Amino acid sequence: MLRPGGLFAACAPNRNSTPELAGVIPDWGAAGTFDGEDAKAIVASVFCAPGDTVETDRWDGPLVTLGSAADAAAFLRVHRLGEEQAARAAATLDLPMTLTMRGCVVYGTKAGTTPRSA
């Protein structure tokens, strides 16, 4: 339980993050359990008492560069590709590759303090 004035923060990628990898990530763009598109509403469903606040800081830009096949394979493993599948997919990429990362950080503040300044 968060005490009054406590701050909760979480980050969530959008479903359309890393469009450069759409062809190699299975189910790219499919909804997950905590996507950037839904994060604010999910957090607001918990921070719903009078005086609670929910804010988001969105990101959308060229934030990650995969410099080698090993970097790409490691990144793809985060997207539930097995080690061999990730290595095969990484070998097909034109590297180095800069990825467009999209998502947000969502903040929930319990009533009892001034809302977080942006």
N, C-alpha and C. Protein backbone atom coordinates (compact mmCIF):
# COMPACT_ATOMS: atom_id res chain seq x y z
N MET A 1 0.85 -1.18 0.00
CA MET A 1 0.00 0.00 0.00
C MET A 1 0.89 1.24 0.00
N LEU A 2 0.52 2.21 -0.80
CA LEU A 2 1.28 3.45 -0.92
C LEU A 2 0.73 4.44 0.11
N ARG A 3 1.63 5.06 0.84
CA ARG A 3 1.19 6.03 1.86
C ARG A 3 0.75 7.33 1.19
N PRO A 4 -0.02 8.15 1.89
CA PRO A 4 -0.43 9.44 1.33
C PRO A 4 0.79 10.23 0.87
N GLY A 5 0.69 10.77 -0.33
CA GLY A 5 1.80 11.51 -0.91
C GLY A 5 2.80 10.63 -1.63
N GLY A 6 2.61 9.31 -1.54
CA GLY A 6 3.53 8.39 -2.21
C GLY A 6 3.39 8.43 -3.72
N LEU A 7 4.48 8.11 -4.41
CA LEU A 7 4.52 8.16 -5.86
C LEU A 7 4.78 6.77 -6.41
N PHE A 8 3.97 6.35 -7.36
CA PHE A 8 4.15 5.11 -8.10
C PHE A 8 4.59 5.50 -9.51
N ALA A 9 5.58 4.82 -10.07
CA ALA A 9 6.01 5.09 -11.44
C ALA A 9 6.24 3.76 -12.16
N ALA A 10 5.82 3.70 -13.41
CA ALA A 10 6.04 2.52 -14.24
C ALA A 10 6.22 2.96 -15.68
N CYS A 11 7.00 2.21 -16.44
CA CYS A 11 7.14 2.53 -17.86
C CYS A 11 6.52 1.39 -18.67
N ALA A 12 6.04 1.75 -19.84
CA ALA A 12 5.38 0.78 -20.70
C ALA A 12 5.63 1.13 -22.16
N PRO A 13 6.10 0.17 -22.96
CA PRO A 13 6.25 0.43 -24.39
C PRO A 13 4.89 0.39 -25.08
N ASN A 14 4.77 1.15 -26.15
CA ASN A 14 3.57 1.09 -26.98
C ASN A 14 3.59 -0.19 -27.81
N ARG A 15 2.43 -0.58 -28.29
CA ARG A 15 2.34 -1.76 -29.17
C ARG A 15 3.09 -1.51 -30.48
N ASN A 16 3.19 -0.25 -30.91
CA ASN A 16 3.86 0.06 -32.17
C ASN A 16 5.31 0.53 -31.97
N SER A 17 5.88 0.22 -30.81
CA SER A 17 7.29 0.54 -30.58
C SER A 17 8.15 -0.37 -31.45
N THR A 18 9.32 0.08 -31.81
CA THR A 18 10.29 -0.63 -32.66
C THR A 18 9.67 -1.14 -33.98
N PRO A 19 9.07 -0.24 -34.77
CA PRO A 19 8.47 -0.68 -36.03
C PRO A 19 9.50 -1.28 -36.99
N GLU A 20 10.76 -0.95 -36.79
CA GLU A 20 11.82 -1.50 -37.64
C GLU A 20 11.94 -3.02 -37.48
N LEU A 21 11.43 -3.55 -36.38
CA LEU A 21 11.52 -4.99 -36.12
C LEU A 21 10.18 -5.71 -36.31
N ALA A 22 9.20 -5.04 -36.89
CA ALA A 22 7.87 -5.64 -37.04
C ALA A 22 7.93 -6.97 -37.80
N GLY A 23 8.84 -7.10 -38.73
CA GLY A 23 8.92 -8.33 -39.52
C GLY A 23 9.60 -9.49 -38.83
N VAL A 24 10.27 -9.25 -37.70
CA VAL A 24 10.98 -10.34 -37.03
C VAL A 24 10.47 -10.65 -35.63
N ILE A 25 9.63 -9.79 -35.07
CA ILE A 25 9.07 -10.04 -33.74
C ILE A 25 7.69 -10.66 -33.91
N PRO A 26 7.52 -11.92 -33.47
CA PRO A 26 6.20 -12.53 -33.57
C PRO A 26 5.16 -11.71 -32.79
N ASP A 27 4.00 -11.55 -33.37
CA ASP A 27 2.90 -10.82 -32.74
C ASP A 27 3.22 -9.35 -32.48
N TRP A 28 4.15 -8.78 -33.27
CA TRP A 28 4.46 -7.36 -33.11
C TRP A 28 3.17 -6.57 -33.25
N GLY A 29 2.95 -5.63 -32.37
CA GLY A 29 1.77 -4.78 -32.42
C GLY A 29 0.57 -5.33 -31.69
N ALA A 30 0.64 -6.57 -31.23
CA ALA A 30 -0.48 -7.15 -30.50
C ALA A 30 -0.56 -6.55 -29.10
N ALA A 31 -1.75 -6.48 -28.58
CA ALA A 31 -1.95 -5.94 -27.24
C ALA A 31 -1.32 -6.84 -26.18
N GLY A 32 -0.73 -6.21 -25.17
CA GLY A 32 -0.18 -6.92 -24.03
C GLY A 32 -0.98 -6.57 -22.78
N THR A 33 -0.44 -6.90 -21.63
CA THR A 33 -1.17 -6.64 -20.39
C THR A 33 -0.96 -5.22 -19.86
N PHE A 34 0.13 -4.55 -20.27
CA PHE A 34 0.41 -3.20 -19.79
C PHE A 34 1.15 -2.43 -20.88
N ASP A 35 0.40 -1.99 -21.89
CA ASP A 35 0.96 -1.24 -23.01
C ASP A 35 0.87 0.26 -22.74
N GLY A 36 1.74 1.01 -23.41
CA GLY A 36 1.73 2.45 -23.25
C GLY A 36 0.38 3.08 -23.59
N GLU A 37 -0.32 2.50 -24.57
CA GLU A 37 -1.62 3.04 -24.96
C GLU A 37 -2.65 2.93 -23.83
N ASP A 38 -2.51 1.94 -22.96
CA ASP A 38 -3.49 1.68 -21.90
C ASP A 38 -2.98 1.99 -20.50
N ALA A 39 -1.69 2.31 -20.37
CA ALA A 39 -1.07 2.43 -19.04
C ALA A 39 -1.75 3.47 -18.16
N LYS A 40 -2.06 4.63 -18.71
CA LYS A 40 -2.67 5.68 -17.89
C LYS A 40 -4.01 5.22 -17.33
N ALA A 41 -4.84 4.61 -18.16
CA ALA A 41 -6.15 4.15 -17.70
C ALA A 41 -6.03 3.05 -16.65
N ILE A 42 -5.06 2.16 -16.82
CA ILE A 42 -4.86 1.08 -15.85
C ILE A 42 -4.44 1.65 -14.51
N VAL A 43 -3.49 2.56 -14.51
CA VAL A 43 -3.03 3.16 -13.26
C VAL A 43 -4.14 4.00 -12.64
N ALA A 44 -4.90 4.71 -13.48
CA ALA A 44 -6.00 5.53 -12.97
C ALA A 44 -7.09 4.68 -12.32
N SER A 45 -7.20 3.41 -12.71
CA SER A 45 -8.20 2.55 -12.09
C SER A 45 -7.84 2.21 -10.64
N VAL A 46 -6.57 2.39 -10.29
CA VAL A 46 -6.11 2.15 -8.92
C VAL A 46 -5.99 3.47 -8.16
N PHE A 47 -5.50 4.50 -8.82
CA PHE A 47 -5.36 5.82 -8.21
C PHE A 47 -6.63 6.62 -8.51
N CYS A 48 -7.72 6.22 -7.86
CA CYS A 48 -9.03 6.79 -8.19
C CYS A 48 -9.70 7.47 -7.01
N ALA A 49 -9.00 7.59 -5.89
CA ALA A 49 -9.57 8.28 -4.72
C ALA A 49 -9.53 9.78 -4.96
N PRO A 50 -10.41 10.52 -4.32
CA PRO A 50 -10.37 11.98 -4.46
C PRO A 50 -8.97 12.52 -4.11
N GLY A 51 -8.45 13.34 -4.99
CA GLY A 51 -7.14 13.94 -4.77
C GLY A 51 -5.98 13.16 -5.37
N ASP A 52 -6.18 11.89 -5.74
CA ASP A 52 -5.13 11.13 -6.42
C ASP A 52 -4.90 11.75 -7.80
N THR A 53 -3.68 11.64 -8.31
CA THR A 53 -3.39 12.13 -9.65
C THR A 53 -2.67 11.06 -10.45
N VAL A 54 -2.87 11.12 -11.76
CA VAL A 54 -2.19 10.23 -12.70
C VAL A 54 -1.71 11.09 -13.86
N GLU A 55 -0.43 10.97 -14.18
CA GLU A 55 0.17 11.73 -15.27
C GLU A 55 1.04 10.80 -16.10
N THR A 56 1.28 11.18 -17.35
CA THR A 56 2.18 10.40 -18.20
C THR A 56 3.19 11.31 -18.87
N ASP A 57 4.36 10.77 -19.08
CA ASP A 57 5.40 11.38 -19.92
C ASP A 57 5.61 10.40 -21.06
N ARG A 58 5.31 10.82 -22.27
CA ARG A 58 5.44 9.94 -23.43
C ARG A 58 6.81 10.10 -24.08
N TRP A 59 7.25 9.02 -24.70
CA TRP A 59 8.47 9.10 -25.50
C TRP A 59 8.19 8.53 -26.87
N ASP A 60 8.89 9.05 -27.87
CA ASP A 60 8.76 8.61 -29.26
C ASP A 60 9.98 9.13 -29.99
N GLY A 61 10.95 8.27 -30.20
CA GLY A 61 12.14 8.73 -30.88
C GLY A 61 13.16 7.63 -31.10
N PRO A 62 14.24 7.98 -31.77
CA PRO A 62 15.32 7.04 -32.05
C PRO A 62 16.20 6.87 -30.82
N LEU A 63 15.79 5.98 -29.92
CA LEU A 63 16.41 5.90 -28.60
C LEU A 63 17.37 4.74 -28.41
N VAL A 64 17.35 3.74 -29.28
CA VAL A 64 18.21 2.56 -29.11
C VAL A 64 18.84 2.24 -30.46
N THR A 65 20.13 1.96 -30.44
CA THR A 65 20.81 1.51 -31.65
C THR A 65 21.37 0.12 -31.41
N LEU A 66 21.03 -0.79 -32.30
CA LEU A 66 21.58 -2.15 -32.27
C LEU A 66 22.83 -2.13 -33.14
N GLY A 67 23.99 -2.26 -32.52
CA GLY A 67 25.25 -2.12 -33.24
C GLY A 67 25.80 -3.41 -33.81
N SER A 68 25.37 -4.54 -33.27
CA SER A 68 25.91 -5.83 -33.71
C SER A 68 24.82 -6.89 -33.67
N ALA A 69 25.11 -8.02 -34.29
CA ALA A 69 24.16 -9.14 -34.25
C ALA A 69 23.93 -9.60 -32.82
N ALA A 70 24.97 -9.56 -32.00
CA ALA A 70 24.81 -9.95 -30.58
C ALA A 70 23.88 -8.99 -29.86
N ASP A 71 24.02 -7.67 -30.11
CA ASP A 71 23.10 -6.69 -29.52
C ASP A 71 21.67 -6.95 -29.97
N ALA A 72 21.50 -7.18 -31.27
CA ALA A 72 20.16 -7.40 -31.82
C ALA A 72 19.54 -8.67 -31.25
N ALA A 73 20.32 -9.73 -31.15
CA ALA A 73 19.80 -10.99 -30.60
C ALA A 73 19.38 -10.81 -29.15
N ALA A 74 20.18 -10.10 -28.38
CA ALA A 74 19.82 -9.86 -26.97
C ALA A 74 18.54 -9.05 -26.88
N PHE A 75 18.39 -8.04 -27.73
CA PHE A 75 17.17 -7.23 -27.74
C PHE A 75 15.97 -8.09 -28.12
N LEU A 76 16.12 -8.94 -29.09
CA LEU A 76 15.02 -9.80 -29.53
C LEU A 76 14.64 -10.83 -28.48
N ARG A 77 15.57 -11.25 -27.67
CA ARG A 77 15.26 -12.21 -26.60
C ARG A 77 14.25 -11.60 -25.62
N VAL A 78 14.29 -10.30 -25.43
CA VAL A 78 13.34 -9.63 -24.55
C VAL A 78 11.92 -9.76 -25.11
N HIS A 79 11.82 -9.96 -26.41
CA HIS A 79 10.52 -10.09 -27.07
C HIS A 79 10.12 -11.55 -27.25
N ARG A 80 10.57 -12.37 -26.35
CA ARG A 80 10.19 -13.78 -26.24
C ARG A 80 10.68 -14.66 -27.39
N LEU A 81 11.74 -14.27 -28.05
CA LEU A 81 12.36 -15.16 -29.03
C LEU A 81 13.38 -16.01 -28.30
N GLY A 82 13.43 -17.28 -28.63
CA GLY A 82 14.44 -18.15 -28.06
C GLY A 82 15.82 -17.76 -28.56
N GLU A 83 16.84 -18.29 -27.94
CA GLU A 83 18.21 -17.91 -28.28
C GLU A 83 18.53 -18.14 -29.76
N GLU A 84 18.21 -19.31 -30.27
CA GLU A 84 18.50 -19.62 -31.68
C GLU A 84 17.64 -18.78 -32.63
N GLN A 85 16.36 -18.64 -32.31
CA GLN A 85 15.47 -17.84 -33.15
C GLN A 85 15.92 -16.39 -33.18
N ALA A 86 16.33 -15.85 -32.04
CA ALA A 86 16.81 -14.47 -31.97
C ALA A 86 18.08 -14.29 -32.79
N ALA A 87 18.99 -15.25 -32.71
CA ALA A 87 20.24 -15.17 -33.48
C ALA A 87 19.95 -15.21 -34.98
N ARG A 88 19.03 -16.09 -35.39
CA ARG A 88 18.68 -16.17 -36.83
C ARG A 88 18.05 -14.86 -37.30
N ALA A 89 17.13 -14.33 -36.51
CA ALA A 89 16.48 -13.07 -36.88
C ALA A 89 17.48 -11.92 -36.92
N ALA A 90 18.38 -11.87 -35.94
CA ALA A 90 19.39 -10.80 -35.89
C ALA A 90 20.28 -10.83 -37.12
N ALA A 91 20.57 -12.01 -37.61
CA ALA A 91 21.44 -12.15 -38.79
C ALA A 91 20.78 -11.58 -40.05
N THR A 92 19.47 -11.40 -40.06
CA THR A 92 18.78 -10.87 -41.23
C THR A 92 18.70 -9.35 -41.23
N LEU A 93 19.07 -8.72 -40.13
CA LEU A 93 18.91 -7.26 -40.00
C LEU A 93 20.09 -6.51 -40.61
N ASP A 94 19.82 -5.34 -41.14
CA ASP A 94 20.84 -4.45 -41.69
C ASP A 94 21.36 -3.59 -40.54
N LEU A 95 22.48 -4.00 -39.96
CA LEU A 95 23.03 -3.35 -38.77
C LEU A 95 24.19 -2.44 -39.15
N PRO A 96 24.44 -1.38 -38.38
CA PRO A 96 23.70 -0.96 -37.19
C PRO A 96 22.32 -0.46 -37.57
N MET A 97 21.40 -0.58 -36.61
CA MET A 97 20.01 -0.19 -36.82
C MET A 97 19.54 0.61 -35.61
N THR A 98 19.01 1.80 -35.88
CA THR A 98 18.45 2.62 -34.81
C THR A 98 16.96 2.34 -34.74
N LEU A 99 16.48 2.08 -33.53
CA LEU A 99 15.09 1.71 -33.32
C LEU A 99 14.27 2.89 -32.81
N THR A 100 13.06 3.02 -33.31
CA THR A 100 12.12 4.02 -32.84
C THR A 100 11.38 3.43 -31.64
N MET A 101 11.64 3.98 -30.48
CA MET A 101 11.02 3.49 -29.25
C MET A 101 9.86 4.41 -28.91
N ARG A 102 8.70 3.80 -28.65
CA ARG A 102 7.50 4.55 -28.31
C ARG A 102 6.90 3.99 -27.04
N GLY A 103 6.41 4.86 -26.17
CA GLY A 103 5.79 4.41 -24.94
C GLY A 103 5.64 5.56 -23.98
N CYS A 104 5.58 5.23 -22.70
CA CYS A 104 5.41 6.27 -21.70
C CYS A 104 5.89 5.80 -20.33
N VAL A 105 6.10 6.80 -19.48
CA VAL A 105 6.23 6.57 -18.04
C VAL A 105 4.95 7.12 -17.46
N VAL A 106 4.30 6.33 -16.62
CA VAL A 106 3.05 6.77 -15.99
C VAL A 106 3.30 6.89 -14.49
N TYR A 107 2.80 7.98 -13.92
CA TYR A 107 2.99 8.28 -12.50
C TYR A 107 1.63 8.35 -11.82
N GLY A 108 1.51 7.71 -10.70
CA GLY A 108 0.33 7.83 -9.85
C GLY A 108 0.75 8.36 -8.50
N THR A 109 0.08 9.39 -8.03
CA THR A 109 0.39 9.98 -6.73
C THR A 109 -0.85 9.88 -5.84
N LYS A 110 -0.66 9.32 -4.66
CA LYS A 110 -1.76 9.25 -3.68
C LYS A 110 -2.04 10.63 -3.14
N ALA A 111 -3.28 10.92 -2.87
CA ALA A 111 -3.67 12.20 -2.30
C ALA A 111 -2.83 12.48 -1.06
N GLY A 112 -2.47 13.72 -0.87
CA GLY A 112 -1.70 14.09 0.31
C GLY A 112 -0.52 14.97 -0.01
N THR A 113 -0.19 15.17 -1.29
CA THR A 113 0.89 16.07 -1.67
C THR A 113 0.49 16.82 -2.92
N THR A 114 1.31 17.76 -3.29
CA THR A 114 1.14 18.47 -4.54
C THR A 114 1.48 17.52 -5.67
N PRO A 115 0.72 17.52 -6.79
CA PRO A 115 1.04 16.65 -7.92
C PRO A 115 2.45 16.88 -8.43
N ARG A 116 3.04 15.84 -8.96
CA ARG A 116 4.39 15.87 -9.52
C ARG A 116 4.41 16.89 -10.66
N SER A 117 5.44 17.75 -10.70
CA SER A 117 5.54 18.73 -11.77
C SER A 117 6.17 18.09 -12.99
N ALA A 118 5.70 18.49 -14.17
CA ALA A 118 6.19 17.91 -15.42
C ALA A 118 7.38 18.68 -15.96
